[in-house]
PDB file of N, CA and C in Angstrom:
ATOM      1  N   MET A   1      18.245 -19.152 111.485  1.00  0.00           N
ATOM      2  CA  MET A   1      17.310 -18.147 111.019  1.00  0.00           C
ATOM      3  C   MET A   1      17.622 -17.713 109.587  1.00  0.00           C
ATOM      4  N   ILE A   2      18.899 -17.539 109.253  1.00  0.00           N
ATOM      5  CA  ILE A   2      19.258 -17.052 107.920  1.00  0.00           C
ATOM      6  C   ILE A   2      18.820 -18.020 106.827  1.00  0.00           C
ATOM      7  N   ASP A   3      18.803 -19.328 107.125  1.00  0.00           N
ATOM      8  CA  ASP A   3      18.368 -20.310 106.132  1.00  0.00           C
ATOM      9  C   ASP A   3      16.922 -20.090 105.704  1.00  0.00           C
ATOM     10  N   LYS A   4      16.115 -19.515 106.561  1.00  0.00           N
ATOM     11  CA  LYS A   4      14.707 -19.289 106.240  1.00  0.00           C
ATOM     12  C   LYS A   4      14.529 -18.281 105.103  1.00  0.00           C
ATOM     13  N   TRP A   5      15.533 -17.416 104.862  1.00  0.00           N
ATOM     14  CA  TRP A   5      15.426 -16.464 103.753  1.00  0.00           C
ATOM     15  C   TRP A   5      15.386 -17.192 102.417  1.00  0.00           C
ATOM     16  N   TRP A   6      15.998 -18.362 102.347  1.00  0.00           N
ATOM     17  CA  TRP A   6      16.064 -19.079 101.072  1.00  0.00           C
ATOM     18  C   TRP A   6      14.784 -19.824 100.763  1.00  0.00           C
ATOM     19  N   ASP A   7      14.022 -20.189 101.771  1.00  0.00           N
ATOM     20  CA  ASP A   7      12.750 -20.871 101.528  1.00  0.00           C
ATOM     21  C   ASP A   7      11.863 -20.681 102.748  1.00  0.00           C
ATOM     22  N   TYR A   8      11.015 -19.681 102.704  1.00  0.00           N
ATOM     23  CA  TYR A   8      10.144 -19.452 103.855  1.00  0.00           C
ATOM     24  C   TYR A   8       8.710 -19.862 103.579  1.00  0.00           C
ATOM     25  N   GLY A   9       8.569 -20.993 102.895  1.00  0.00           N
ATOM     26  CA  GLY A   9       7.266 -21.620 102.748  1.00  0.00           C
ATOM     27  C   GLY A   9       6.430 -21.172 101.563  1.00  0.00           C
ATOM     28  N   SER A  10       6.823 -20.143 100.883  1.00  0.00           N
ATOM     29  CA  SER A  10       6.016 -19.672  99.748  1.00  0.00           C
ATOM     30  C   SER A  10       6.583 -20.139  98.416  1.00  0.00           C
ATOM     31  N   GLY A  11       7.675 -20.891  98.468  1.00  0.00           N
ATOM     32  CA  GLY A  11       8.308 -21.314  97.232  1.00  0.00           C
ATOM     33  C   GLY A  11       9.225 -20.246  96.671  1.00  0.00           C
ATOM     34  N   GLY A  12       9.443 -19.176  97.418  1.00  0.00           N
ATOM     35  CA  GLY A  12      10.295 -18.084  96.959  1.00  0.00           C
ATOM     36  C   GLY A  12      11.495 -17.902  97.858  1.00  0.00           C
ATOM     37  N   CYS A  13      12.272 -16.915  97.545  1.00  0.00           N
ATOM     38  CA  CYS A  13      13.417 -16.569  98.384  1.00  0.00           C
ATOM     39  C   CYS A  13      13.612 -15.054  98.310  1.00  0.00           C
ATOM     40  N   VAL A  14      14.440 -14.534  99.211  1.00  0.00           N
ATOM     41  CA  VAL A  14      14.700 -13.105  99.263  1.00  0.00           C
ATOM     42  C   VAL A  14      16.115 -12.843  98.763  1.00  0.00           C
ATOM     43  N   LEU A  15      16.245 -11.934  97.821  1.00  0.00           N
ATOM     44  CA  LEU A  15      17.537 -11.491  97.307  1.00  0.00           C
ATOM     45  C   LEU A  15      17.690 -10.016  97.617  1.00  0.00           C
ATOM     46  N   SER A  16      18.898  -9.527  97.522  1.00  0.00           N
ATOM     47  CA  SER A  16      19.135  -8.090  97.683  1.00  0.00           C
ATOM     48  C   SER A  16      19.096  -7.381  96.337  1.00  0.00           C
ATOM     49  N   TYR A  17      18.520  -8.025  95.354  1.00  0.00           N
ATOM     50  CA  TYR A  17      18.471  -7.491  94.002  1.00  0.00           C
ATOM     51  C   TYR A  17      17.065  -7.631  93.441  1.00  0.00           C
ATOM     52  N   SER A  18      16.730  -6.778  92.516  1.00  0.00           N
ATOM     53  CA  SER A  18      15.510  -6.937  91.740  1.00  0.00           C
ATOM     54  C   SER A  18      15.874  -7.763  90.522  1.00  0.00           C
ATOM     55  N   CYS A  19      15.212  -8.890  90.353  1.00  0.00           N
ATOM     56  CA  CYS A  19      15.469  -9.795  89.232  1.00  0.00           C
ATOM     57  C   CYS A  19      14.457  -9.502  88.136  1.00  0.00           C
ATOM     58  N   LEU A  20      14.940  -9.184  86.957  1.00  0.00           N
ATOM     59  CA  LEU A  20      14.076  -8.822  85.847  1.00  0.00           C
ATOM     60  C   LEU A  20      13.913  -9.961  84.848  1.00  0.00           C
ATOM     61  N   ILE A  21      14.216 -11.182  85.321  1.00  0.00           N
ATOM     62  CA  ILE A  21      14.044 -12.384  84.511  1.00  0.00           C
ATOM     63  C   ILE A  21      12.723 -13.025  84.910  1.00  0.00           C
ATOM     64  N   GLU A  22      11.911 -13.374  83.937  1.00  0.00           N
ATOM     65  CA  GLU A  22      10.603 -13.963  84.207  1.00  0.00           C
ATOM     66  C   GLU A  22      10.767 -15.235  85.034  1.00  0.00           C
ATOM     67  N   ARG A  23       9.933 -15.393  86.049  1.00  0.00           N
ATOM     68  CA  ARG A  23       9.981 -16.547  86.922  1.00  0.00           C
ATOM     69  C   ARG A  23       8.652 -16.662  87.654  1.00  0.00           C
ATOM     70  N   LYS A  24       8.493 -17.760  88.388  1.00  0.00           N
ATOM     71  CA  LYS A  24       7.284 -17.939  89.189  1.00  0.00           C
ATOM     72  C   LYS A  24       7.295 -16.905  90.307  1.00  0.00           C
ATOM     73  N   GLY A  25       6.197 -16.249  90.513  1.00  0.00           N
ATOM     74  CA  GLY A  25       6.103 -15.280  91.606  1.00  0.00           C
ATOM     75  C   GLY A  25       5.587 -13.938  91.175  1.00  0.00           C
ATOM     76  N   PRO A  26       6.452 -13.064  90.672  1.00  0.00           N
ATOM     77  CA  PRO A  26       5.983 -11.710  90.339  1.00  0.00           C
ATOM     78  C   PRO A  26       4.981 -11.726  89.190  1.00  0.00           C
ATOM     79  N   ASP A  27       3.996 -10.883  89.284  1.00  0.00           N
ATOM     80  CA  ASP A  27       2.997 -10.736  88.241  1.00  0.00           C
ATOM     81  C   ASP A  27       3.539  -9.792  87.176  1.00  0.00           C
ATOM     82  N   ALA A  28       3.800 -10.331  86.008  1.00  0.00           N
ATOM     83  CA  ALA A  28       4.390  -9.538  84.916  1.00  0.00           C
ATOM     84  C   ALA A  28       3.525  -8.344  84.542  1.00  0.00           C
ATOM     85  N   ALA A  29       2.224  -8.444  84.764  1.00  0.00           N
ATOM     86  CA  ALA A  29       1.318  -7.346  84.421  1.00  0.00           C
ATOM     87  C   ALA A  29       1.517  -6.130  85.316  1.00  0.00           C
ATOM     88  N   GLN A  30       2.204  -6.310  86.453  1.00  0.00           N
ATOM     89  CA  GLN A  30       2.424  -5.197  87.373  1.00  0.00           C
ATOM     90  C   GLN A  30       3.697  -4.411  87.073  1.00  0.00           C
ATOM     91  N   MET A  31       4.511  -4.892  86.118  1.00  0.00           N
ATOM     92  CA  MET A  31       5.692  -4.151  85.687  1.00  0.00           C
ATOM     93  C   MET A  31       5.220  -2.994  84.819  1.00  0.00           C
ATOM     94  N   LEU A  32       5.697  -1.806  85.127  1.00  0.00           N
ATOM     95  CA  LEU A  32       5.246  -0.622  84.396  1.00  0.00           C
ATOM     96  C   LEU A  32       6.034  -0.455  83.095  1.00  0.00           C
ATOM     97  N   PRO A  33       5.343  -0.290  81.960  1.00  0.00           N
ATOM     98  CA  PRO A  33       6.006  -0.121  80.667  1.00  0.00           C
ATOM     99  C   PRO A  33       6.930   1.096  80.672  1.00  0.00           C
ATOM    100  N   PRO A  34       7.983   1.060  79.899  1.00  0.00           N
ATOM    101  CA  PRO A  34       8.292   0.093  78.861  1.00  0.00           C
ATOM    102  C   PRO A  34       9.080  -1.111  79.360  1.00  0.00           C
ATOM    103  N   LYS A  35       9.325  -1.229  80.663  1.00  0.00           N
ATOM    104  CA  LYS A  35      10.076  -2.358  81.211  1.00  0.00           C
ATOM    105  C   LYS A  35       9.210  -3.605  81.212  1.00  0.00           C
ATOM    106  N   SER A  36       9.880  -4.776  81.218  1.00  0.00           N
ATOM    107  CA  SER A  36       9.175  -6.054  81.289  1.00  0.00           C
ATOM    108  C   SER A  36      10.135  -7.101  81.836  1.00  0.00           C
ATOM    109  N   PHE A  37       9.575  -8.202  82.317  1.00  0.00           N
ATOM    110  CA  PHE A  37      10.403  -9.332  82.722  1.00  0.00           C
ATOM    111  C   PHE A  37      10.862 -10.055  81.465  1.00  0.00           C
ATOM    112  N   ARG A  38      12.133 -10.417  81.411  1.00  0.00           N
ATOM    113  CA  ARG A  38      12.700 -11.085  80.236  1.00  0.00           C
ATOM    114  C   ARG A  38      12.345 -12.563  80.272  1.00  0.00           C
ATOM    115  N   SER A  39      11.726 -13.059  79.226  1.00  0.00           N
ATOM    116  CA  SER A  39      11.407 -14.484  79.152  1.00  0.00           C
ATOM    117  C   SER A  39      12.502 -15.258  78.410  1.00  0.00           C
ATOM    118  N   LYS A  40      13.303 -14.546  77.621  1.00  0.00           N
ATOM    119  CA  LYS A  40      14.412 -15.163  76.887  1.00  0.00           C
ATOM    120  C   LYS A  40      15.645 -14.284  77.035  1.00  0.00           C
ATOM    121  N   LEU A  41      16.792 -14.932  77.130  1.00  0.00           N
ATOM    122  CA  LEU A  41      18.037 -14.173  77.268  1.00  0.00           C
ATOM    123  C   LEU A  41      18.808 -14.092  75.957  1.00  0.00           C
ATOM    124  N   ILE A  42      18.183 -14.497  74.888  1.00  0.00           N
ATOM    125  CA  ILE A  42      18.780 -14.323  73.564  1.00  0.00           C
ATOM    126  C   ILE A  42      18.311 -12.954  73.075  1.00  0.00           C
ATOM    127  N   VAL A  43      19.233 -12.000  73.054  1.00  0.00           N
ATOM    128  CA  VAL A  43      18.876 -10.626  72.702  1.00  0.00           C
ATOM    129  C   VAL A  43      19.866 -10.068  71.691  1.00  0.00           C
ATOM    130  N   THR A  44      19.437  -9.090  70.939  1.00  0.00           N
ATOM    131  CA  THR A  44      20.325  -8.448  69.961  1.00  0.00           C
ATOM    132  C   THR A  44      20.904  -7.150  70.505  1.00  0.00           C
ATOM    133  N   ASN A  45      20.355  -6.667  71.623  1.00  0.00           N
ATOM    134  CA  ASN A  45      20.812  -5.412  72.215  1.00  0.00           C
ATOM    135  C   ASN A  45      21.267  -5.630  73.658  1.00  0.00           C
ATOM    136  N   ALA A  46      22.195  -6.567  73.850  1.00  0.00           N
ATOM    137  CA  ALA A  46      22.619  -6.991  75.190  1.00  0.00           C
ATOM    138  C   ALA A  46      23.149  -5.842  76.047  1.00  0.00           C
ATOM    139  N   THR A  47      23.687  -4.809  75.439  1.00  0.00           N
ATOM    140  CA  THR A  47      24.215  -3.682  76.224  1.00  0.00           C
ATOM    141  C   THR A  47      23.102  -2.848  76.847  1.00  0.00           C
ATOM    142  N   ALA A  48      21.864  -3.031  76.384  1.00  0.00           N
ATOM    143  CA  ALA A  48      20.744  -2.233  76.892  1.00  0.00           C
ATOM    144  C   ALA A  48      19.715  -3.042  77.681  1.00  0.00           C
ATOM    145  N   VAL A  49      19.850  -4.372  77.693  1.00  0.00           N
ATOM    146  CA  VAL A  49      18.857  -5.225  78.360  1.00  0.00           C
ATOM    147  C   VAL A  49      19.234  -5.405  79.825  1.00  0.00           C
ATOM    148  N   GLU A  50      18.370  -4.917  80.726  1.00  0.00           N
ATOM    149  CA  GLU A  50      18.605  -4.988  82.167  1.00  0.00           C
ATOM    150  C   GLU A  50      18.133  -6.337  82.711  1.00  0.00           C
ATOM    151  N   LEU A  51      18.990  -6.988  83.534  1.00  0.00           N
ATOM    152  CA  LEU A  51      18.640  -8.281  84.115  1.00  0.00           C
ATOM    153  C   LEU A  51      18.448  -8.221  85.630  1.00  0.00           C
ATOM    154  N   PHE A  52      19.308  -7.482  86.323  1.00  0.00           N
ATOM    155  CA  PHE A  52      19.227  -7.341  87.776  1.00  0.00           C
ATOM    156  C   PHE A  52      19.502  -5.894  88.151  1.00  0.00           C
ATOM    157  N   ALA A  53      18.949  -5.488  89.280  1.00  0.00           N
ATOM    158  CA  ALA A  53      19.204  -4.134  89.798  1.00  0.00           C
ATOM    159  C   ALA A  53      19.285  -4.205  91.316  1.00  0.00           C
ATOM    160  N   ASP A  54      20.136  -3.364  91.898  1.00  0.00           N
ATOM    161  CA  ASP A  54      20.142  -3.237  93.355  1.00  0.00           C
ATOM    162  C   ASP A  54      18.746  -2.839  93.813  1.00  0.00           C
ATOM    163  N   VAL A  55      18.359  -3.308  94.985  1.00  0.00           N
ATOM    164  CA  VAL A  55      17.025  -2.997  95.493  1.00  0.00           C
ATOM    165  C   VAL A  55      16.927  -1.534  95.914  1.00  0.00           C
ATOM    166  N   VAL A  56      16.064  -0.814  95.247  1.00  0.00           N
ATOM    167  CA  VAL A  56      15.634   0.516  95.660  1.00  0.00           C
ATOM    168  C   VAL A  56      14.132   0.360  95.844  1.00  0.00           C
ATOM    169  N   ILE A  57      13.744   0.235  97.110  1.00  0.00           N
ATOM    170  CA  ILE A  57      12.378  -0.150  97.457  1.00  0.00           C
ATOM    171  C   ILE A  57      11.759   0.915  98.348  1.00  0.00           C
ATOM    172  N   GLN A  58      10.489   1.178  98.142  1.00  0.00           N
ATOM    173  CA  GLN A  58       9.810   2.250  98.868  1.00  0.00           C
ATOM    174  C   GLN A  58       8.483   1.734  99.412  1.00  0.00           C
ATOM    175  N   GLU A  59       8.144   2.196 100.603  1.00  0.00           N
ATOM    176  CA  GLU A  59       6.851   1.884 101.213  1.00  0.00           C
ATOM    177  C   GLU A  59       5.811   2.867 100.701  1.00  0.00           C
ATOM    178  N   ASP A  60       4.542   2.518 100.818  1.00  0.00           N
ATOM    179  CA  ASP A  60       3.496   3.442 100.368  1.00  0.00           C
ATOM    180  C   ASP A  60       3.421   4.704 101.231  1.00  0.00           C
ATOM    181  N   THR A  61       4.158   4.727 102.345  1.00  0.00           N
ATOM    182  CA  THR A  61       4.249   5.927 103.185  1.00  0.00           C
ATOM    183  C   THR A  61       5.292   6.905 102.659  1.00  0.00           C
ATOM    184  N   GLY A  62       6.095   6.464 101.669  1.00  0.00           N
ATOM    185  CA  GLY A  62       7.180   7.290 101.138  1.00  0.00           C
ATOM    186  C   GLY A  62       8.539   6.904 101.694  1.00  0.00           C
ATOM    187  N   SER A  63       8.580   6.059 102.719  1.00  0.00           N
ATOM    188  CA  SER A  63       9.837   5.663 103.356  1.00  0.00           C
ATOM    189  C   SER A  63      10.625   4.683 102.486  1.00  0.00           C
ATOM    190  N   PHE A  64      11.942   4.902 102.431  1.00  0.00           N
ATOM    191  CA  PHE A  64      12.847   3.972 101.762  1.00  0.00           C
ATOM    192  C   PHE A  64      13.572   3.090 102.783  1.00  0.00           C
ATOM    193  N   ILE A  65      13.335   3.305 104.085  1.00  0.00           N
ATOM    194  CA  ILE A  65      14.088   2.580 105.112  1.00  0.00           C
ATOM    195  C   ILE A  65      13.230   1.694 106.012  1.00  0.00           C
ATOM    196  N   GLN A  66      11.925   1.797 105.953  1.00  0.00           N
ATOM    197  CA  GLN A  66      11.060   0.938 106.753  1.00  0.00           C
ATOM    198  C   GLN A  66       9.937   0.386 105.881  1.00  0.00           C
ATOM    199  N   ILE A  67      10.322  -0.617 105.079  1.00  0.00           N
ATOM    200  CA  ILE A  67       9.358  -1.256 104.204  1.00  0.00           C
ATOM    201  C   ILE A  67       8.835  -2.483 104.933  1.00  0.00           C
ATOM    202  N   ARG A  68       7.550  -2.501 105.223  1.00  0.00           N
ATOM    203  CA  ARG A  68       6.950  -3.594 105.995  1.00  0.00           C
ATOM    204  C   ARG A  68       7.236  -4.932 105.320  1.00  0.00           C
ATOM    205  N   SER A  69       7.680  -5.884 106.121  1.00  0.00           N
ATOM    206  CA  SER A  69       7.979  -7.220 105.629  1.00  0.00           C
ATOM    207  C   SER A  69       6.770  -8.124 105.781  1.00  0.00           C
ATOM    208  N   THR A  70       6.552  -8.986 104.816  1.00  0.00           N
ATOM    209  CA  THR A  70       5.502  -9.996 104.916  1.00  0.00           C
ATOM    210  C   THR A  70       6.100 -11.376 105.164  1.00  0.00           C
ATOM    211  N   SER A  71       7.428 -11.441 105.357  1.00  0.00           N
ATOM    212  CA  SER A  71       8.107 -12.721 105.533  1.00  0.00           C
ATOM    213  C   SER A  71       7.864 -13.349 106.898  1.00  0.00           C
ATOM    214  N   GLY A  72       7.570 -12.521 107.897  1.00  0.00           N
ATOM    215  CA  GLY A  72       7.465 -13.035 109.257  1.00  0.00           C
ATOM    216  C   GLY A  72       8.818 -13.230 109.924  1.00  0.00           C
ATOM    217  N   LEU A  73       9.902 -12.926 109.212  1.00  0.00           N
ATOM    218  CA  LEU A  73      11.254 -13.107 109.749  1.00  0.00           C
ATOM    219  C   LEU A  73      11.810 -11.820 110.335  1.00  0.00           C
ATOM    220  N   VAL A  74      11.525 -10.716 109.686  1.00  0.00           N
ATOM    221  CA  VAL A  74      11.966  -9.401 110.158  1.00  0.00           C
ATOM    222  C   VAL A  74      10.795  -8.431 109.998  1.00  0.00           C
ATOM    223  N   PRO A  75      10.758  -7.384 110.807  1.00  0.00           N
ATOM    224  CA  PRO A  75       9.632  -6.455 110.665  1.00  0.00           C
ATOM    225  C   PRO A  75       9.736  -5.539 109.444  1.00  0.00           C
ATOM    226  N   TYR A  76      10.984  -5.195 109.030  1.00  0.00           N
ATOM    227  CA  TYR A  76      11.177  -4.235 107.939  1.00  0.00           C
ATOM    228  C   TYR A  76      12.311  -4.640 107.013  1.00  0.00           C
ATOM    229  N   HIS A  77      12.236  -4.134 105.789  1.00  0.00           N
ATOM    230  CA  HIS A  77      13.337  -4.195 104.817  1.00  0.00           C
ATOM    231  C   HIS A  77      13.787  -2.761 104.568  1.00  0.00           C
ATOM    232  N   THR A  78      14.954  -2.607 103.924  1.00  0.00           N
ATOM    233  CA  THR A  78      15.452  -1.269 103.613  1.00  0.00           C
ATOM    234  C   THR A  78      16.091  -1.256 102.230  1.00  0.00           C
ATOM    235  N   THR A  79      16.214  -0.084 101.676  1.00  0.00           N
ATOM    236  CA  THR A  79      16.833   0.121 100.371  1.00  0.00           C
ATOM    237  C   THR A  79      18.348  -0.015 100.459  1.00  0.00           C
ATOM    238  N   SER A  80      18.957  -0.506  99.400  1.00  0.00           N
ATOM    239  CA  SER A  80      20.418  -0.532  99.282  1.00  0.00           C
ATOM    240  C   SER A  80      20.927   0.883  99.010  1.00  0.00           C
ATOM    241  N   HIS A  81      22.175   1.153  99.335  1.00  0.00           N
ATOM    242  CA  HIS A  81      22.873   2.391  98.971  1.00  0.00           C
ATOM    243  C   HIS A  81      22.144   3.665  99.397  1.00  0.00           C
ATOM    244  N   LEU A  82      21.939   3.792 100.696  1.00  0.00           N
ATOM    245  CA  LEU A  82      21.287   4.998 101.209  1.00  0.00           C
ATOM    246  C   LEU A  82      22.272   6.153 101.319  1.00  0.00           C
ATOM    247  N   SER A  83      21.807   7.337 101.002  1.00  0.00           N
ATOM    248  CA  SER A  83      22.593   8.546 101.218  1.00  0.00           C
ATOM    249  C   SER A  83      22.094   9.175 102.520  1.00  0.00           C
ATOM    250  N   PHE A  84      22.306  10.433 102.691  1.00  0.00           N
ATOM    251  CA  PHE A  84      21.886  11.099 103.922  1.00  0.00           C
ATOM    252  C   PHE A  84      20.361  11.183 104.019  1.00  0.00           C
ATOM    253  N   ARG A  85      19.873  11.283 105.228  1.00  0.00           N
ATOM    254  CA  ARG A  85      18.441  11.402 105.534  1.00  0.00           C
ATOM    255  C   ARG A  85      17.585  10.236 105.053  1.00  0.00           C
ATOM    256  N   GLY A  86      18.194   9.055 104.909  1.00  0.00           N
ATOM    257  CA  GLY A  86      17.426   7.876 104.539  1.00  0.00           C
ATOM    258  C   GLY A  86      16.935   7.841 103.117  1.00  0.00           C
ATOM    259  N   GLN A  87      17.523   8.645 102.254  1.00  0.00           N
ATOM    260  CA  GLN A  87      17.139   8.659 100.842  1.00  0.00           C
ATOM    261  C   GLN A  87      18.115   7.792 100.042  1.00  0.00           C
ATOM    262  N   PRO A  88      17.630   7.066  99.035  1.00  0.00           N
ATOM    263  CA  PRO A  88      18.534   6.252  98.225  1.00  0.00           C
ATOM    264  C   PRO A  88      19.428   7.120  97.340  1.00  0.00           C
ATOM    265  N   ALA A  89      20.674   6.675  97.198  1.00  0.00           N
ATOM    266  CA  ALA A  89      21.599   7.358  96.295  1.00  0.00           C
ATOM    267  C   ALA A  89      21.394   6.884  94.861  1.00  0.00           C
ATOM    268  N   GLY A  90      20.995   5.637  94.703  1.00  0.00           N
ATOM    269  CA  GLY A  90      20.829   5.020  93.396  1.00  0.00           C
ATOM    270  C   GLY A  90      21.122   3.545  93.508  1.00  0.00           C
ATOM    271  N   GLY A  91      21.508   2.929  92.396  1.00  0.00           N
ATOM    272  CA  GLY A  91      21.809   1.506  92.421  1.00  0.00           C
ATOM    273  C   GLY A  91      22.526   1.057  91.171  1.00  0.00           C
ATOM    274  N   ASN A  92      23.142  -0.108  91.283  1.00  0.00           N
ATOM    275  CA  ASN A  92      23.818  -0.736  90.156  1.00  0.00           C
ATOM    276  C   ASN A  92      22.817  -1.536  89.340  1.00  0.00           C
ATOM    277  N   ILE A  93      22.993  -1.530  88.039  1.00  0.00           N
ATOM    278  CA  ILE A  93      22.156  -2.291  87.122  1.00  0.00           C
ATOM    279  C   ILE A  93      23.075  -3.255  86.379  1.00  0.00           C
ATOM    280  N   LEU A  94      22.699  -4.542  86.312  1.00  0.00           N
ATOM    281  CA  LEU A  94      23.443  -5.545  85.550  1.00  0.00           C
ATOM    282  C   LEU A  94      22.745  -5.763  84.217  1.00  0.00           C
ATOM    283  N   PHE A  95      23.523  -5.672  83.140  1.00  0.00           N
ATOM    284  CA  PHE A  95      22.991  -5.818  81.787  1.00  0.00           C
ATOM    285  C   PHE A  95      23.352  -7.180  81.205  1.00  0.00           C
ATOM    286  N   ALA A  96      22.642  -7.572  80.161  1.00  0.00           N
ATOM    287  CA  ALA A  96      22.797  -8.905  79.565  1.00  0.00           C
ATOM    288  C   ALA A  96      24.196  -9.171  79.017  1.00  0.00           C
ATOM    289  N   ASP A  97      24.943  -8.137  78.670  1.00  0.00           N
ATOM    290  CA  ASP A  97      26.310  -8.354  78.170  1.00  0.00           C
ATOM    291  C   ASP A  97      27.314  -8.507  79.314  1.00  0.00           C
ATOM    292  N   GLY A  98      26.848  -8.407  80.573  1.00  0.00           N
ATOM    293  CA  GLY A  98      27.718  -8.603  81.732  1.00  0.00           C
ATOM    294  C   GLY A  98      28.217  -7.324  82.369  1.00  0.00           C
ATOM    295  N   HIS A  99      28.017  -6.171  81.765  1.00  0.00           N
ATOM    296  CA  HIS A  99      28.498  -4.930  82.373  1.00  0.00           C
ATOM    297  C   HIS A  99      27.476  -4.415  83.393  1.00  0.00           C
ATOM    298  N   THR A 100      27.968  -3.627  84.325  1.00  0.00           N
ATOM    299  CA  THR A 100      27.096  -2.965  85.289  1.00  0.00           C
ATOM    300  C   THR A 100      27.241  -1.460  85.126  1.00  0.00           C
ATOM    301  N   SER A 101      26.229  -0.769  85.559  1.00  0.00           N
ATOM    302  CA  SER A 101      26.240   0.681  85.483  1.00  0.00           C
ATOM    303  C   SER A 101      25.537   1.235  86.706  1.00  0.00           C
ATOM    304  N   TRP A 102      26.083   2.319  87.267  1.00  0.00           N
ATOM    305  CA  TRP A 102      25.462   2.999  88.390  1.00  0.00           C
ATOM    306  C   TRP A 102      24.379   3.938  87.857  1.00  0.00           C
ATOM    307  N   ARG A 103      23.195   3.868  88.455  1.00  0.00           N
ATOM    308  CA  ARG A 103      22.105   4.756  88.071  1.00  0.00           C
ATOM    309  C   ARG A 103      21.694   5.555  89.312  1.00  0.00           C
ATOM    310  N   GLN A 104      21.814   6.872  89.235  1.00  0.00           N
ATOM    311  CA  GLN A 104      21.401   7.712  90.351  1.00  0.00           C
ATOM    312  C   GLN A 104      19.880   7.698  90.480  1.00  0.00           C
ATOM    313  N   LEU A 105      19.395   7.928  91.704  1.00  0.00           N
ATOM    314  CA  LEU A 105      17.961   7.894  91.946  1.00  0.00           C
ATOM    315  C   LEU A 105      17.212   8.829  91.003  1.00  0.00           C
ATOM    316  N   ARG A 106      17.762   9.997  90.739  1.00  0.00           N
ATOM    317  CA  ARG A 106      17.044  10.956  89.897  1.00  0.00           C
ATOM    318  C   ARG A 106      16.857  10.450  88.459  1.00  0.00           C
ATOM    319  N   ALA A 107      17.620   9.418  88.073  1.00  0.00           N
ATOM    320  CA  ALA A 107      17.464   8.824  86.745  1.00  0.00           C
ATOM    321  C   ALA A 107      16.574   7.573  86.787  1.00  0.00           C
ATOM    322  N   MET A 108      16.134   7.186  87.987  1.00  0.00           N
ATOM    323  CA  MET A 108      15.271   6.014  88.143  1.00  0.00           C
ATOM    324  C   MET A 108      13.812   6.427  88.107  1.00  0.00           C
ATOM    325  N   GLN A 109      12.967   5.420  87.894  1.00  0.00           N
ATOM    326  CA  GLN A 109      11.517   5.615  87.925  1.00  0.00           C
ATOM    327  C   GLN A 109      10.889   4.451  88.673  1.00  0.00           C
ATOM    328  N   VAL A 110       9.692   4.645  89.153  1.00  0.00           N
ATOM    329  CA  VAL A 110       8.936   3.533  89.712  1.00  0.00           C
ATOM    330  C   VAL A 110       8.677   2.563  88.568  1.00  0.00           C
ATOM    331  N   ARG A 111       9.027   1.293  88.796  1.00  0.00           N
ATOM    332  CA  ARG A 111       8.888   0.298  87.725  1.00  0.00           C
ATOM    333  C   ARG A 111       7.957  -0.853  88.079  1.00  0.00           C
ATOM    334  N   TYR A 112       7.797  -1.118  89.396  1.00  0.00           N
ATOM    335  CA  TYR A 112       7.011  -2.286  89.793  1.00  0.00           C
ATOM    336  C   TYR A 112       6.385  -2.038  91.151  1.00  0.00           C
ATOM    337  N   ARG A 113       5.100  -2.351  91.257  1.00  0.00           N
ATOM    338  CA  ARG A 113       4.373  -2.261  92.525  1.00  0.00           C
ATOM    339  C   ARG A 113       3.810  -3.644  92.821  1.00  0.00           C
ATOM    340  N   VAL A 114       4.266  -4.253  93.907  1.00  0.00           N
ATOM    341  CA  VAL A 114       3.800  -5.583  94.269  1.00  0.00           C
ATOM    342  C   VAL A 114       2.305  -5.518  94.567  1.00  0.00           C
ATOM    343  N   GLY A 115       1.548  -6.368  93.951  1.00  0.00           N
ATOM    344  CA  GLY A 115       0.105  -6.350  94.129  1.00  0.00           C
ATOM    345  C   GLY A 115      -0.542  -5.092  93.583  1.00  0.00           C
ATOM    346  N   GLY A 116       0.198  -4.360  92.745  1.00  0.00           N
ATOM    347  CA  GLY A 116      -0.298  -3.111  92.194  1.00  0.00           C
ATOM    348  C   GLY A 116      -0.265  -1.969  93.185  1.00  0.00           C
ATOM    349  N   ASN A 117       0.282  -2.215  94.386  1.00  0.00           N
ATOM    350  CA  ASN A 117       0.218  -1.222  95.443  1.00  0.00           C
ATOM    351  C   ASN A 117       1.566  -1.011  96.135  1.00  0.00           C
ATOM    352  N   ARG A 118       1.979  -1.934  96.970  1.00  0.00           N
ATOM    353  CA  ARG A 118       3.188  -1.802  97.758  1.00  0.00           C
ATOM    354  C   ARG A 118       3.821  -3.171  97.965  1.00  0.00           C
ATOM    355  N   PRO A 119       5.130  -3.266  98.162  1.00  0.00           N
ATOM    356  CA  PRO A 119       6.104  -2.192  98.084  1.00  0.00           C
ATOM    357  C   PRO A 119       6.358  -1.762  96.639  1.00  0.00           C
ATOM    358  N   ILE A 120       7.054  -0.644  96.520  1.00  0.00           N
ATOM    359  CA  ILE A 120       7.299  -0.006  95.242  1.00  0.00           C
ATOM    360  C   ILE A 120       8.779  -0.166  94.902  1.00  0.00           C
ATOM    361  N   PHE A 121       9.090  -0.674  93.720  1.00  0.00           N
ATOM    362  CA  PHE A 121      10.479  -0.879  93.286  1.00  0.00           C
ATOM    363  C   PHE A 121      10.849   0.158  92.233  1.00  0.00           C
ATOM    364  N   TRP A 122      12.021   0.766  92.428  1.00  0.00           N
ATOM    365  CA  TRP A 122      12.575   1.753  91.488  1.00  0.00           C
ATOM    366  C   TRP A 122      13.786   1.123  90.795  1.00  0.00           C
ATOM    367  N   PHE A 123      13.978   1.419  89.533  1.00  0.00           N
ATOM    368  CA  PHE A 123      15.238   1.122  88.827  1.00  0.00           C
ATOM    369  C   PHE A 123      15.255   1.872  87.522  1.00  0.00           C
TER     370      PHE A 123
END
């Protein structure tokens, strides 16, 4: 069953991270400014360029712990790093220079809505 996460027929795979590198799949137009998917990794401000983030994902119901899955493998997904009452504490962000930084939820914003609607990704 676990092998199906790597290729479940759509040409994609499931990670526990939000990937901010341009690739086949996510619609770049759905990323909310000023963030964008990186098409090139040659940057002059590597300490500020975000490449990956822990998944902080929300359902359109407001839930961070029961995000409906479309994979057919599991009924729900959940956010990484939950604090009390099912609320996210925050997440780690990986930058182009290789350093990571913890970002608390209160410093995050909604950045991407799949299909313009749900699920909702914060970072």
